[in-house]
């Protein structure tokens, strides 16, 4: 049995009865037609690089690192094939 001041067992209790904003509360839009808040810009973007390799058998250059064999001579990339890291914008 419940005592005089206890809420009934089926009633939900508000964990924040005073309505104060807490750190872990999600942001609330003032109006329904407002877009959700966007992330602030991250400043400078990091430098981007690509890795390429040069075939040691035929001399074909600028082959993407994910390509397993040379498109010209079909020889697989080996330890003697030169690899390069190139900065792209």
Protein backbone atom coordinates (compact mmCIF):
# COMPACT_ATOMS: atom_id res chain seq x y z
CA UNK A 1 0.00 0.00 0.00
CA UNK A 2 1.19 3.49 -0.72
CA UNK A 3 1.48 6.10 1.95
CA UNK A 4 -0.05 9.55 1.80
CA UNK A 5 2.76 11.46 -0.04
CA UNK A 6 3.84 8.71 -2.49
CA UNK A 7 2.68 8.84 -6.13
CA UNK A 8 0.69 5.88 -7.42
CA UNK A 9 2.95 3.17 -8.96
CA UNK A 10 1.69 3.85 -12.51
CA UNK A 11 2.33 7.62 -12.47
CA UNK A 12 5.48 8.87 -14.20
CA UNK A 13 7.69 11.17 -12.17
CA UNK A 14 9.49 14.04 -13.93
CA UNK A 15 13.24 13.76 -13.16
CA UNK A 16 13.64 17.50 -13.81
CA UNK A 17 10.58 19.05 -12.11
CA UNK A 18 11.85 22.64 -12.14
CA UNK A 19 12.54 22.63 -15.88
CA UNK A 20 16.17 23.68 -15.58
CA UNK A 21 18.37 22.96 -18.57
CA UNK A 22 21.02 20.35 -17.94
CA UNK A 23 24.25 19.68 -19.82
CA UNK A 24 23.04 16.38 -21.26
CA UNK A 25 19.71 17.78 -22.55
CA UNK A 26 19.44 17.84 -26.36
CA UNK A 27 19.08 21.27 -28.01
CA UNK A 28 15.48 22.39 -28.41
CA UNK A 29 14.24 24.37 -31.42
CA UNK A 30 12.20 27.43 -30.55
CA UNK A 31 9.85 27.04 -33.53
CA UNK A 32 8.87 23.91 -35.41
CA UNK A 33 9.80 25.35 -38.82
CA UNK A 34 13.35 26.26 -37.74
CA UNK A 35 16.03 23.98 -39.17
CA UNK A 36 17.92 21.88 -36.63
CA UNK A 37 21.10 23.47 -35.31
CA UNK A 38 24.07 22.77 -37.56
CA UNK A 39 27.61 21.98 -36.52
CA UNK A 40 30.01 24.90 -36.37
CA UNK A 41 32.64 25.00 -39.11
CA UNK A 42 35.75 23.02 -38.28
CA UNK A 43 38.25 25.66 -39.36
CA UNK A 44 40.97 24.48 -41.73
CA UNK A 45 40.45 21.13 -43.36
CA UNK A 46 43.19 18.59 -42.92
CA UNK A 47 45.63 17.96 -45.71
CA UNK A 48 44.51 15.22 -48.07
CA UNK A 49 46.89 12.79 -49.66
CA UNK A 50 46.71 9.96 -52.19
CA UNK A 51 49.15 7.09 -52.56
CA UNK A 52 50.26 6.02 -56.02
CA UNK A 53 52.81 3.56 -57.34
CA UNK A 54 55.06 3.24 -60.40
CA UNK A 55 55.46 -0.12 -62.14
CA UNK A 56 59.07 -1.34 -62.10
CA UNK A 57 58.47 -3.65 -65.07
CA UNK A 58 57.12 -1.24 -67.70
CA UNK A 59 57.54 2.20 -66.11
CA UNK A 60 53.82 3.05 -65.99
CA UNK A 61 53.34 5.85 -63.42
CA UNK A 62 50.53 7.20 -61.25
CA UNK A 63 48.72 3.92 -60.57
CA UNK A 64 46.36 4.13 -57.59
CA UNK A 65 47.55 2.19 -54.56
CA UNK A 66 44.35 0.10 -54.52
CA UNK A 67 45.09 -1.25 -58.01
CA UNK A 68 46.85 -4.59 -57.50
CA UNK A 69 48.47 -5.01 -60.91
CA UNK A 70 49.71 -2.67 -63.62
CA UNK A 71 47.01 -1.82 -66.20
CA UNK A 72 49.61 -1.85 -69.02
CA UNK A 73 51.68 -4.99 -68.40
CA UNK A 74 49.49 -6.83 -65.82
CA UNK A 75 52.43 -7.38 -63.45
CA UNK A 76 51.51 -7.25 -59.76
CA UNK A 77 53.00 -4.55 -57.59
CA UNK A 78 56.17 -5.78 -55.89
CA UNK A 79 58.62 -4.36 -53.31
CA UNK A 80 60.68 -2.86 -56.15
CA UNK A 81 57.78 -0.75 -57.45
CA UNK A 82 58.17 2.81 -56.17
CA UNK A 83 55.29 4.24 -54.11
CA UNK A 84 54.56 7.91 -53.55
CA UNK A 85 52.36 9.99 -51.27
CA UNK A 86 50.99 13.04 -53.11
CA UNK A 87 49.08 15.95 -51.59
CA UNK A 88 45.82 16.85 -53.33
CA UNK A 89 43.68 19.94 -52.86
